Amino acid sequence: MDRVPIQEETRPSSKIVKARPLGRSFRSATSSAVAERVARGMIARHGADAAREATVHLNQMIDRGDLAARDLWACVVHMIHQQRE
């Protein structure tokens, strides 16, 4: 059986928009929002020691080999330092 190609309609109002898979930009935006929320919580909880405490978490993730968590905590440390400036 031959397959017949499906053609998209050319009218802009009826164009089908395909959902794109979760790409780096979506994950980065989500991770940034999470890191910012964690950074604010660390500052509220630990005050001036927030960066040191976040660095402890960062080092734990490095020791565990958890790259995603390592990246998150690295962002948290960076955001804490940015908020001090």
Protein backbone atom coordinates (compact mmCIF):
# COMPACT_ATOMS: atom_id res chain seq x y z
CA MET A 1 0.00 0.00 0.00
CA ASP A 2 1.42 3.41 -1.00
CA ARG A 3 1.41 6.19 1.53
CA VAL A 4 -0.11 9.47 0.49
CA PRO A 5 1.76 12.52 1.85
CA ILE A 6 -0.32 14.79 4.02
CA GLN A 7 -0.20 18.42 3.04
CA GLU A 8 -0.61 21.24 5.48
CA GLU A 9 -3.12 23.91 4.72
CA THR A 10 -1.50 27.18 3.75
CA ARG A 11 -3.91 29.48 5.56
CA PRO A 12 -2.19 30.90 8.65
CA SER A 13 -5.27 30.60 10.86
CA SER A 14 -5.56 26.87 10.32
CA LYS A 15 -1.89 25.91 10.28
CA ILE A 16 -1.11 22.98 12.50
CA VAL A 17 1.54 23.74 15.06
CA LYS A 18 3.52 20.74 16.15
CA ALA A 19 4.63 20.58 19.75
CA ARG A 20 8.36 20.47 19.93
CA PRO A 21 10.02 18.10 22.34
CA LEU A 22 11.45 19.47 25.52
CA GLY A 23 14.60 21.13 24.40
CA ARG A 24 17.45 22.78 26.18
CA SER A 25 15.80 26.21 26.20
CA PHE A 26 12.71 24.95 28.03
CA ARG A 27 14.77 23.06 30.58
CA SER A 28 17.06 26.03 31.05
CA ALA A 29 14.16 28.36 31.71
CA THR A 30 12.63 25.89 34.14
CA SER A 31 15.94 25.26 35.86
CA SER A 32 16.56 29.00 36.17
CA ALA A 33 13.20 29.49 37.85
CA VAL A 34 13.87 26.62 40.25
CA ALA A 35 17.39 27.87 40.99
CA GLU A 36 16.08 31.36 41.68
CA ARG A 37 13.43 30.01 44.06
CA VAL A 38 16.01 27.85 45.86
CA ALA A 39 18.44 30.79 46.07
CA ARG A 40 15.80 33.02 47.64
CA GLY A 41 14.97 30.27 50.14
CA MET A 42 18.63 29.77 51.00
CA ILE A 43 19.08 33.51 51.58
CA ALA A 44 15.97 33.65 53.75
CA ARG A 45 17.07 30.60 55.75
CA HIS A 46 20.82 31.18 56.02
CA GLY A 47 21.30 34.91 55.45
CA ALA A 48 24.98 35.79 54.96
CA ASP A 49 25.91 32.09 55.03
CA ALA A 50 23.62 31.22 52.09
CA ALA A 51 26.42 30.95 49.53
CA ARG A 52 28.49 28.74 51.83
CA GLU A 53 25.53 26.43 52.51
CA ALA A 54 24.68 26.24 48.81
CA THR A 55 28.32 25.38 48.09
CA VAL A 56 28.06 22.49 50.55
CA HIS A 57 25.10 21.16 48.53
CA LEU A 58 27.02 21.73 45.29
CA ASN A 59 29.98 19.71 46.58
CA GLN A 60 27.67 16.89 47.70
CA MET A 61 26.17 16.66 44.22
CA ILE A 62 29.66 16.59 42.69
CA ASP A 63 30.64 13.76 45.06
CA ARG A 64 27.49 11.83 44.11
CA GLY A 65 28.09 12.35 40.40
CA ASP A 66 24.62 13.89 39.98
CA LEU A 67 25.29 16.25 37.08
CA ALA A 68 21.78 17.74 36.86
CA ALA A 69 21.73 18.56 40.57
CA ARG A 70 25.32 19.84 40.34
CA ASP A 71 24.26 22.27 37.61
CA LEU A 72 21.26 23.41 39.64
CA TRP A 73 23.32 24.09 42.76
CA ALA A 74 26.00 25.86 40.73
CA CYS A 75 23.26 28.19 39.44
CA VAL A 76 21.97 28.67 42.99
CA VAL A 77 25.44 29.69 44.22
CA HIS A 78 25.78 32.07 41.27
CA MET A 79 22.35 33.64 41.89
CA ILE A 80 23.09 34.12 45.58
CA HIS A 81 26.29 35.99 44.68
CA GLN A 82 24.41 38.07 42.10
CA GLN A 83 21.80 39.12 44.65
CA ARG A 84 24.52 40.33 47.02
CA GLU A 85 25.82 42.82 44.43
